[in-house]
Amino acid sequence: KISDDEIGQMVDAFNAMLAAIQQRDLELLSGKSELESKVEERTAELKAANQELEAFSYSVSHDLRSPLRAIDGFSQALLEDYADQLDSAAMGYLERVRMASQRMGVLIDSMLWLSRVTRQEIVTRTVDFSLMCEEVVRDIQDREPARTVSVTVQPNMSLRCDSRLMRIVVTNLVDNAFKYTLYTALPKIEIGCREGVYYIRDNGAGFDMRYVDKLFGAFQRLHSKDEFEGTGIGLATVARVIHRHGGDIWAESEVGAGATFYFTVPSDRF
């Protein structure tokens, strides 16, 4: 038989436990409120940072493009209007000035595009990835009609993604495959998917795997601009898009034996 004292002790213990639970609930509510406040504060900070970045991008675009257009325009005017008064060395210097200003313009465009990709809202849907790849390949072939490149696209590939951003990925990777097979006797490009891993493979120049960690960094190039033109922004943009989809990207290569770029995009990410 339980005594009154024992019952009293049980009641006291129960009340103490109930008080502890109530205190914990209060602490949880307080913590939740504090967390929500911090999230709202952080969201506001990110919004302000994005607005500042947008303003900076506009400033860069406007303030840097204007003098570049002037440099290019006046250089062209000198070449056209004073060609008979300039020797070959002076003409060559002016051509180099024009080429440098145009390269800088391309670099500015690439930087701004990388910035926009970071901020752009992702809207996903299931896309016909095979069709997207075929369209990109056709666009590049139309741009380089003199080249004959064998391109194989695996049929019936689908992918849940932001179609605008994914087209940037495909365009950059396929464009690179075309570019780096320029000196290959029988250039071949293969686009496919195996077990949820998409890949774009070529038999072009390839690269040294010792430097693979630099591959997706902005302004990183594993070939000289004299060999292959480029800004070093394309693969950084590709990686940014894939990571924003919650996926991963990597590459395998051998110098002189081509390169394969792999990427994943989780179907349940969004």
C-alpha atoms as a PDB file:
ATOM      1  CA  LYS A   1       0.000   0.000   0.000  1.00  0.00           C
ATOM      2  CA  ILE A   2       1.318   3.444  -0.971  1.00  0.00           C
ATOM      3  CA  SER A   3       1.507   5.874   1.901  1.00  0.00           C
ATOM      4  CA  ASP A   4       0.354   9.495   1.791  1.00  0.00           C
ATOM      5  CA  ASP A   5       3.988  10.597   1.977  1.00  0.00           C
ATOM      6  CA  GLU A   6       4.886   8.522  -1.067  1.00  0.00           C
ATOM      7  CA  ILE A   7       1.894   9.915  -2.955  1.00  0.00           C
ATOM      8  CA  GLY A   8       2.977  13.414  -1.980  1.00  0.00           C
ATOM      9  CA  GLN A   9       6.487  12.724  -3.233  1.00  0.00           C
ATOM     10  CA  MET A  10       5.109  11.398  -6.536  1.00  0.00           C
ATOM     11  CA  VAL A  11       2.918  14.498  -6.919  1.00  0.00           C
ATOM     12  CA  ASP A  12       5.881  16.747  -6.181  1.00  0.00           C
ATOM     13  CA  ALA A  13       8.016  14.860  -8.688  1.00  0.00           C
ATOM     14  CA  PHE A  14       5.257  15.055 -11.305  1.00  0.00           C
ATOM     15  CA  ASN A  15       4.795  18.779 -10.705  1.00  0.00           C
ATOM     16  CA  ALA A  16       8.545  19.318 -10.944  1.00  0.00           C
ATOM     17  CA  MET A  17       8.636  17.362 -14.219  1.00  0.00           C
ATOM     18  CA  LEU A  18       5.662  19.340 -15.552  1.00  0.00           C
ATOM     19  CA  ALA A  19       7.343  22.611 -14.605  1.00  0.00           C
ATOM     20  CA  ALA A  20      10.530  21.481 -16.351  1.00  0.00           C
ATOM     21  CA  ILE A  21       8.555  20.595 -19.491  1.00  0.00           C
ATOM     22  CA  GLN A  22       6.779  23.949 -19.440  1.00  0.00           C
ATOM     23  CA  GLN A  23      10.100  25.733 -18.991  1.00  0.00           C
ATOM     24  CA  ARG A  24      11.588  23.798 -21.906  1.00  0.00           C
ATOM     25  CA  ASP A  25       8.561  24.664 -24.074  1.00  0.00           C
ATOM     26  CA  LEU A  26       9.011  28.332 -23.210  1.00  0.00           C
ATOM     27  CA  GLU A  27      12.698  28.126 -24.100  1.00  0.00           C
ATOM     28  CA  LEU A  28      11.864  26.393 -27.396  1.00  0.00           C
ATOM     29  CA  LEU A  29       9.291  29.055 -28.250  1.00  0.00           C
ATOM     30  CA  SER A  30      11.775  31.764 -27.376  1.00  0.00           C
ATOM     31  CA  GLY A  31      14.464  30.058 -29.439  1.00  0.00           C
ATOM     32  CA  LYS A  32      12.074  29.651 -32.377  1.00  0.00           C
ATOM     33  CA  SER A  33      11.128  33.317 -32.209  1.00  0.00           C
ATOM     34  CA  GLU A  34      14.780  34.322 -32.050  1.00  0.00           C
ATOM     35  CA  LEU A  35      15.631  32.027 -34.983  1.00  0.00           C
ATOM     36  CA  GLU A  36      12.774  33.432 -37.075  1.00  0.00           C
ATOM     37  CA  SER A  37      13.973  36.935 -36.271  1.00  0.00           C
ATOM     38  CA  LYS A  38      17.515  36.039 -37.346  1.00  0.00           C
ATOM     39  CA  VAL A  39      16.230  34.435 -40.561  1.00  0.00           C
ATOM     40  CA  GLU A  40      14.214  37.568 -41.386  1.00  0.00           C
ATOM     41  CA  GLU A  41      17.234  39.727 -40.622  1.00  0.00           C
ATOM     42  CA  ARG A  42      19.482  37.560 -42.774  1.00  0.00           C
ATOM     43  CA  THR A  43      16.939  37.572 -45.609  1.00  0.00           C
ATOM     44  CA  ALA A  44      16.809  41.366 -45.493  1.00  0.00           C
ATOM     45  CA  GLU A  45      20.616  41.518 -45.563  1.00  0.00           C
ATOM     46  CA  LEU A  46      20.756  39.188 -48.567  1.00  0.00           C
ATOM     47  CA  LYS A  47      18.118  41.243 -50.381  1.00  0.00           C
ATOM     48  CA  ALA A  48      20.087  44.419 -49.726  1.00  0.00           C
ATOM     49  CA  ALA A  49      23.311  42.728 -50.858  1.00  0.00           C
ATOM     50  CA  ASN A  50      21.646  41.566 -54.076  1.00  0.00           C
ATOM     51  CA  GLN A  51      20.376  45.081 -54.748  1.00  0.00           C
ATOM     52  CA  GLU A  52      23.874  46.457 -54.195  1.00  0.00           C
ATOM     53  CA  LEU A  53      25.301  43.798 -56.504  1.00  0.00           C
ATOM     54  CA  GLU A  54      22.726  44.647 -59.152  1.00  0.00           C
ATOM     55  CA  ALA A  55      23.633  48.333 -58.891  1.00  0.00           C
ATOM     56  CA  PHE A  56      27.333  47.482 -59.061  1.00  0.00           C
ATOM     57  CA  SER A  57      26.776  45.299 -62.121  1.00  0.00           C
ATOM     58  CA  TYR A  58      24.948  48.123 -63.870  1.00  0.00           C
ATOM     59  CA  SER A  59      27.724  50.537 -62.955  1.00  0.00           C
ATOM     60  CA  VAL A  60      30.394  48.160 -64.246  1.00  0.00           C
ATOM     61  CA  SER A  61      28.449  47.563 -67.428  1.00  0.00           C
ATOM     62  CA  HIS A  62      27.865  51.261 -68.112  1.00  0.00           C
ATOM     63  CA  ASP A  63      31.066  52.859 -66.796  1.00  0.00           C
ATOM     64  CA  LEU A  64      33.471  50.344 -68.323  1.00  0.00           C
ATOM     65  CA  ARG A  65      31.713  49.776 -71.629  1.00  0.00           C
ATOM     66  CA  SER A  66      31.643  53.472 -72.562  1.00  0.00           C
ATOM     67  CA  PRO A  67      35.426  54.023 -72.597  1.00  0.00           C
ATOM     68  CA  LEU A  68      35.955  50.658 -74.268  1.00  0.00           C
ATOM     69  CA  ARG A  69      33.576  51.616 -77.069  1.00  0.00           C
ATOM     70  CA  ALA A  70      35.449  54.906 -77.437  1.00  0.00           C
ATOM     71  CA  ILE A  71      38.831  53.136 -77.617  1.00  0.00           C
ATOM     72  CA  ASP A  72      37.543  50.654 -80.183  1.00  0.00           C
ATOM     73  CA  GLY A  73      35.754  53.332 -82.220  1.00  0.00           C
ATOM     74  CA  PHE A  74      38.633  55.812 -82.365  1.00  0.00           C
ATOM     75  CA  SER A  75      41.108  53.033 -83.162  1.00  0.00           C
ATOM     76  CA  GLN A  76      38.938  51.938 -86.052  1.00  0.00           C
ATOM     77  CA  ALA A  77      38.628  55.552 -87.238  1.00  0.00           C
ATOM     78  CA  LEU A  78      42.414  55.919 -87.237  1.00  0.00           C
ATOM     79  CA  LEU A  79      42.785  52.701 -89.205  1.00  0.00           C
ATOM     80  CA  GLU A  80      40.208  53.734 -91.797  1.00  0.00           C
ATOM     81  CA  ASP A  81      40.856  57.479 -92.121  1.00  0.00           C
ATOM     82  CA  TYR A  82      44.620  57.651 -91.706  1.00  0.00           C
ATOM     83  CA  ALA A  83      45.733  54.338 -93.159  1.00  0.00           C
ATOM     84  CA  ASP A  84      47.805  56.076 -95.853  1.00  0.00           C
ATOM     85  CA  GLN A  85      49.723  58.048 -93.191  1.00  0.00           C
ATOM     86  CA  LEU A  86      50.552  55.093 -90.931  1.00  0.00           C
ATOM     87  CA  ASP A  87      53.281  52.546 -91.430  1.00  0.00           C
ATOM     88  CA  SER A  88      52.659  48.824 -90.973  1.00  0.00           C
ATOM     89  CA  ALA A  89      53.926  48.862 -87.367  1.00  0.00           C
ATOM     90  CA  ALA A  90      51.481  51.618 -86.359  1.00  0.00           C
ATOM     91  CA  MET A  91      48.632  49.795 -88.108  1.00  0.00           C
ATOM     92  CA  GLY A  92      49.562  46.641 -86.219  1.00  0.00           C
ATOM     93  CA  TYR A  93      49.562  48.469 -82.885  1.00  0.00           C
ATOM     94  CA  LEU A  94      46.119  49.912 -83.560  1.00  0.00           C
ATOM     95  CA  GLU A  95      44.781  46.470 -84.465  1.00  0.00           C
ATOM     96  CA  ARG A  96      46.143  45.146 -81.182  1.00  0.00           C
ATOM     97  CA  VAL A  97      44.469  48.011 -79.293  1.00  0.00           C
ATOM     98  CA  ARG A  98      41.149  47.149 -80.940  1.00  0.00           C
ATOM     99  CA  MET A  99      41.508  43.440 -80.200  1.00  0.00           C
ATOM    100  CA  ALA A 100      42.398  44.143 -76.565  1.00  0.00           C
ATOM    101  CA  SER A 101      39.390  46.446 -76.075  1.00  0.00           C
ATOM    102  CA  GLN A 102      37.090  43.873 -77.660  1.00  0.00           C
ATOM    103  CA  ARG A 103      38.494  41.117 -75.425  1.00  0.00           C
ATOM    104  CA  MET A 104      37.898  43.325 -72.400  1.00  0.00           C
ATOM    105  CA  GLY A 105      34.302  43.842 -73.544  1.00  0.00           C
ATOM    106  CA  VAL A 106      33.790  40.083 -73.768  1.00  0.00           C
ATOM    107  CA  LEU A 107      35.337  39.659 -70.320  1.00  0.00           C
ATOM    108  CA  ILE A 108      32.991  42.266 -68.818  1.00  0.00           C
ATOM    109  CA  ASP A 109      30.006  40.525 -70.417  1.00  0.00           C
ATOM    110  CA  SER A 110      31.163  37.187 -68.981  1.00  0.00           C
ATOM    111  CA  MET A 111      31.620  38.629 -65.486  1.00  0.00           C
ATOM    112  CA  LEU A 112      28.158  40.190 -65.553  1.00  0.00           C
ATOM    113  CA  TRP A 113      26.640  36.939 -66.782  1.00  0.00           C
ATOM    114  CA  LEU A 114      28.297  34.988 -63.956  1.00  0.00           C
ATOM    115  CA  SER A 115      26.872  37.512 -61.493  1.00  0.00           C
ATOM    116  CA  ARG A 116      23.365  37.204 -62.956  1.00  0.00           C
ATOM    117  CA  VAL A 117      23.459  33.407 -62.839  1.00  0.00           C
ATOM    118  CA  THR A 118      24.155  33.615 -59.112  1.00  0.00           C
ATOM    119  CA  ARG A 119      21.087  35.791 -58.481  1.00  0.00           C
ATOM    120  CA  GLN A 120      18.606  34.474 -61.018  1.00  0.00           C
ATOM    121  CA  GLU A 121      15.570  32.703 -59.565  1.00  0.00           C
ATOM    122  CA  ILE A 122      15.399  29.003 -60.429  1.00  0.00           C
ATOM    123  CA  VAL A 123      12.156  27.797 -62.033  1.00  0.00           C
ATOM    124  CA  THR A 124      12.239  24.067 -62.727  1.00  0.00           C
ATOM    125  CA  ARG A 125      10.296  21.802 -65.036  1.00  0.00           C
ATOM    126  CA  THR A 126      10.947  18.523 -66.803  1.00  0.00           C
ATOM    127  CA  VAL A 127      12.690  19.229 -70.105  1.00  0.00           C
ATOM    128  CA  ASP A 128      13.601  17.130 -73.124  1.00  0.00           C
ATOM    129  CA  PHE A 129      17.338  17.188 -72.509  1.00  0.00           C
ATOM    130  CA  SER A 130      18.147  15.345 -75.737  1.00  0.00           C
ATOM    131  CA  LEU A 131      16.285  17.967 -77.760  1.00  0.00           C
ATOM    132  CA  MET A 132      18.010  20.780 -75.874  1.00  0.00           C
ATOM    133  CA  CYS A 133      21.427  19.283 -76.656  1.00  0.00           C
ATOM    134  CA  GLU A 134      20.536  18.794 -80.327  1.00  0.00           C
ATOM    135  CA  GLU A 135      19.431  22.437 -80.600  1.00  0.00           C
ATOM    136  CA  VAL A 136      22.654  23.683 -79.003  1.00  0.00           C
ATOM    137  CA  VAL A 137      24.769  21.478 -81.278  1.00  0.00           C
ATOM    138  CA  ARG A 138      22.884  22.729 -84.338  1.00  0.00           C
ATOM    139  CA  ASP A 139      23.418  26.366 -83.317  1.00  0.00           C
ATOM    140  CA  ILE A 140      27.165  25.826 -82.927  1.00  0.00           C
ATOM    141  CA  GLN A 141      27.407  23.917 -86.217  1.00  0.00           C
ATOM    142  CA  ASP A 142      25.590  26.767 -87.990  1.00  0.00           C
ATOM    143  CA  ARG A 143      28.134  29.159 -86.501  1.00  0.00           C
ATOM    144  CA  GLU A 144      31.047  27.030 -87.754  1.00  0.00           C
ATOM    145  CA  PRO A 145      29.832  25.601 -91.085  1.00  0.00           C
ATOM    146  CA  ALA A 146      33.363  24.909 -92.325  1.00  0.00           C
ATOM    147  CA  ARG A 147      34.013  22.321 -89.599  1.00  0.00           C
ATOM    148  CA  THR A 148      32.947  18.684 -89.679  1.00  0.00           C
ATOM    149  CA  VAL A 149      32.463  17.296 -86.187  1.00  0.00           C
ATOM    150  CA  SER A 150      30.769  13.979 -85.465  1.00  0.00           C
ATOM    151  CA  VAL A 151      28.253  14.542 -82.645  1.00  0.00           C
ATOM    152  CA  THR A 152      26.193  11.801 -81.001  1.00  0.00           C
ATOM    153  CA  VAL A 153      23.321  12.699 -78.675  1.00  0.00           C
ATOM    154  CA  GLN A 154      21.688   9.917 -76.667  1.00  0.00           C
ATOM    155  CA  PRO A 155      17.924   9.930 -77.352  1.00  0.00           C
ATOM    156  CA  ASN A 156      15.101  10.170 -74.797  1.00  0.00           C
ATOM    157  CA  MET A 157      17.064  11.956 -72.069  1.00  0.00           C
ATOM    158  CA  SER A 158      14.966  14.083 -69.729  1.00  0.00           C
ATOM    159  CA  LEU A 159      15.959  16.339 -66.863  1.00  0.00           C
ATOM    160  CA  ARG A 160      14.124  18.396 -64.235  1.00  0.00           C
ATOM    161  CA  CYS A 161      15.842  21.764 -64.215  1.00  0.00           C
ATOM    162  CA  ASP A 162      15.627  25.445 -64.999  1.00  0.00           C
ATOM    163  CA  SER A 163      15.704  25.225 -68.791  1.00  0.00           C
ATOM    164  CA  ARG A 164      17.249  28.690 -69.285  1.00  0.00           C
ATOM    165  CA  LEU A 165      20.131  27.993 -66.920  1.00  0.00           C
ATOM    166  CA  MET A 166      20.643  24.418 -68.118  1.00  0.00           C
ATOM    167  CA  ARG A 167      20.943  25.646 -71.699  1.00  0.00           C
ATOM    168  CA  ILE A 168      23.854  27.790 -70.497  1.00  0.00           C
ATOM    169  CA  VAL A 169      25.496  24.634 -69.107  1.00  0.00           C
ATOM    170  CA  VAL A 170      25.026  22.675 -72.318  1.00  0.00           C
ATOM    171  CA  THR A 171      26.118  25.579 -74.528  1.00  0.00           C
ATOM    172  CA  ASN A 172      29.331  26.123 -72.585  1.00  0.00           C
ATOM    173  CA  LEU A 173      30.258  22.435 -72.398  1.00  0.00           C
ATOM    174  CA  VAL A 174      29.455  21.667 -76.039  1.00  0.00           C
ATOM    175  CA  ASP A 175      31.129  24.881 -77.190  1.00  0.00           C
ATOM    176  CA  ASN A 176      34.259  23.826 -75.293  1.00  0.00           C
ATOM    177  CA  ALA A 177      34.109  20.383 -76.883  1.00  0.00           C
ATOM    178  CA  PHE A 178      33.988  21.996 -80.335  1.00  0.00           C
ATOM    179  CA  LYS A 179      36.771  24.421 -79.438  1.00  0.00           C
ATOM    180  CA  TYR A 180      39.192  21.873 -78.026  1.00  0.00           C
ATOM    181  CA  THR A 181      38.746  19.456 -80.949  1.00  0.00           C
ATOM    182  CA  LEU A 182      39.816  22.162 -83.412  1.00  0.00           C
ATOM    183  CA  TYR A 183      43.171  20.466 -84.122  1.00  0.00           C
ATOM    184  CA  THR A 184      41.857  16.884 -83.933  1.00  0.00           C
ATOM    185  CA  ALA A 185      41.882  15.004 -87.243  1.00  0.00           C
ATOM    186  CA  LEU A 186      38.508  13.282 -86.727  1.00  0.00           C
ATOM    187  CA  PRO A 187      36.726  15.238 -83.992  1.00  0.00           C
ATOM    188  CA  LYS A 188      34.010  13.417 -82.070  1.00  0.00           C
ATOM    189  CA  ILE A 189      31.623  14.565 -79.352  1.00  0.00           C
ATOM    190  CA  GLU A 190      29.307  12.311 -77.369  1.00  0.00           C
ATOM    191  CA  ILE A 191      26.471  13.502 -75.115  1.00  0.00           C
ATOM    192  CA  GLY A 192      24.688  10.994 -72.917  1.00  0.00           C
ATOM    193  CA  CYS A 193      23.502   9.846 -69.507  1.00  0.00           C
ATOM    194  CA  ARG A 194      24.193   6.742 -67.451  1.00  0.00           C
ATOM    195  CA  GLU A 195      22.607   5.995 -64.073  1.00  0.00           C
ATOM    196  CA  GLY A 196      21.610   9.612 -63.499  1.00  0.00           C
ATOM    197  CA  VAL A 197      25.012  11.033 -64.456  1.00  0.00           C
ATOM    198  CA  TYR A 198      25.022  13.219 -67.566  1.00  0.00           C
ATOM    199  CA  TYR A 199      28.215  13.580 -69.587  1.00  0.00           C
ATOM    200  CA  ILE A 200      29.720  15.403 -72.549  1.00  0.00           C
ATOM    201  CA  ARG A 201      32.801  13.721 -73.995  1.00  0.00           C
ATOM    202  CA  ASP A 202      35.231  14.795 -76.713  1.00  0.00           C
ATOM    203  CA  ASN A 203      38.463  13.491 -78.222  1.00  0.00           C
ATOM    204  CA  GLY A 204      40.212  16.857 -78.302  1.00  0.00           C
ATOM    205  CA  ALA A 205      43.216  18.442 -76.621  1.00  0.00           C
ATOM    206  CA  GLY A 206      42.338  17.344 -73.094  1.00  0.00           C
ATOM    207  CA  PHE A 207      44.135  18.717 -70.040  1.00  0.00           C
ATOM    208  CA  ASP A 208      46.526  17.659 -67.300  1.00  0.00           C
ATOM    209  CA  MET A 209      44.554  16.186 -64.374  1.00  0.00           C
ATOM    210  CA  ARG A 210      47.106  17.660 -61.967  1.00  0.00           C
ATOM    211  CA  TYR A 211      45.357  20.993 -62.491  1.00  0.00           C
ATOM    212  CA  VAL A 212      41.767  19.747 -62.346  1.00  0.00           C
ATOM    213  CA  ASP A 213      41.117  21.706 -59.118  1.00  0.00           C
ATOM    214  CA  LYS A 214      41.536  24.947 -61.079  1.00  0.00           C
ATOM    215  CA  LEU A 215      39.118  23.915 -63.793  1.00  0.00           C
ATOM    216  CA  PHE A 216      35.923  25.475 -62.445  1.00  0.00           C
ATOM    217  CA  GLY A 217      37.438  28.615 -60.942  1.00  0.00           C
ATOM    218  CA  ALA A 218      36.730  32.019 -62.449  1.00  0.00           C
ATOM    219  CA  PHE A 219      39.485  33.287 -64.794  1.00  0.00           C
ATOM    220  CA  GLN A 220      41.270  29.926 -64.627  1.00  0.00           C
ATOM    221  CA  ARG A 221      42.579  28.587 -67.922  1.00  0.00           C
ATOM    222  CA  LEU A 222      44.502  25.370 -68.532  1.00  0.00           C
ATOM    223  CA  HIS A 223      45.454  26.345 -72.103  1.00  0.00           C
ATOM    224  CA  SER A 224      47.043  29.541 -73.372  1.00  0.00           C
ATOM    225  CA  LYS A 225      44.861  32.054 -75.229  1.00  0.00           C
ATOM    226  CA  ASP A 226      47.203  31.659 -78.204  1.00  0.00           C
ATOM    227  CA  GLU A 227      46.140  27.997 -78.438  1.00  0.00           C
ATOM    228  CA  PHE A 228      42.448  28.382 -77.677  1.00  0.00           C
ATOM    229  CA  GLU A 229      40.568  31.631 -77.114  1.00  0.00           C
ATOM    230  CA  GLY A 230      38.382  32.153 -74.068  1.00  0.00           C
ATOM    231  CA  THR A 231      37.839  34.196 -70.912  1.00  0.00           C
ATOM    232  CA  GLY A 232      38.053  31.518 -68.217  1.00  0.00           C
ATOM    233  CA  ILE A 233      34.498  32.293 -67.077  1.00  0.00           C
ATOM    234  CA  GLY A 234      32.511  29.600 -68.904  1.00  0.00           C
ATOM    235  CA  LEU A 235      33.209  26.620 -66.647  1.00  0.00           C
ATOM    236  CA  ALA A 236      32.826  28.761 -63.521  1.00  0.00           C
ATOM    237  CA  THR A 237      29.347  29.670 -64.770  1.00  0.00           C
ATOM    238  CA  VAL A 238      28.580  26.017 -65.515  1.00  0.00           C
ATOM    239  CA  ALA A 239      29.611  24.957 -62.007  1.00  0.00           C
ATOM    240  CA  ARG A 240      27.555  27.761 -60.465  1.00  0.00           C
ATOM    241  CA  VAL A 241      24.415  26.637 -62.321  1.00  0.00           C
ATOM    242  CA  ILE A 242      24.874  22.960 -61.424  1.00  0.00           C
ATOM    243  CA  HIS A 243      25.499  23.748 -57.764  1.00  0.00           C
ATOM    244  CA  ARG A 244      22.418  25.986 -57.647  1.00  0.00           C
ATOM    245  CA  HIS A 245      20.444  22.939 -58.805  1.00  0.00           C
ATOM    246  CA  GLY A 246      21.913  20.967 -55.898  1.00  0.00           C
ATOM    247  CA  GLY A 247      24.048  18.873 -58.230  1.00  0.00           C
ATOM    248  CA  ASP A 248      27.729  18.153 -58.689  1.00  0.00           C
ATOM    249  CA  ILE A 249      30.123  18.474 -61.621  1.00  0.00           C
ATOM    250  CA  TRP A 250      33.541  16.992 -62.308  1.00  0.00           C
ATOM    251  CA  ALA A 251      35.808  16.115 -65.204  1.00  0.00           C
ATOM    252  CA  GLU A 252      38.247  13.446 -66.337  1.00  0.00           C
ATOM    253  CA  SER A 253      40.855  13.950 -69.017  1.00  0.00           C
ATOM    254  CA  GLU A 254      44.187  13.023 -70.506  1.00  0.00           C
ATOM    255  CA  VAL A 255      46.396  15.377 -72.477  1.00  0.00           C
ATOM    256  CA  GLY A 256      45.869  14.730 -76.181  1.00  0.00           C
ATOM    257  CA  ALA A 257      43.116  12.180 -75.553  1.00  0.00           C
ATOM    258  CA  GLY A 258      40.103  14.395 -74.899  1.00  0.00           C
ATOM    259  CA  ALA A 259      37.999  15.210 -71.859  1.00  0.00           C
ATOM    260  CA  THR A 260      34.717  14.119 -70.311  1.00  0.00           C
ATOM    261  CA  PHE A 261      32.590  16.416 -68.170  1.00  0.00           C
ATOM    262  CA  TYR A 262      30.089  14.775 -65.832  1.00  0.00           C
ATOM    263  CA  PHE A 263      27.289  16.372 -63.849  1.00  0.00           C
ATOM    264  CA  THR A 264      24.290  15.387 -61.750  1.00  0.00           C
ATOM    265  CA  VAL A 265      21.030  17.201 -61.033  1.00  0.00           C
ATOM    266  CA  PRO A 266      18.859  15.695 -58.248  1.00  0.00           C
ATOM    267  CA  SER A 267      15.282  15.252 -59.477  1.00  0.00           C
ATOM    268  CA  ASP A 268      13.807  15.892 -56.018  1.00  0.00           C
ATOM    269  CA  ARG A 269      15.734  19.078 -55.304  1.00  0.00           C
ATOM    270  CA  PHE A 270      12.810  21.425 -56.048  1.00  0.00           C
END
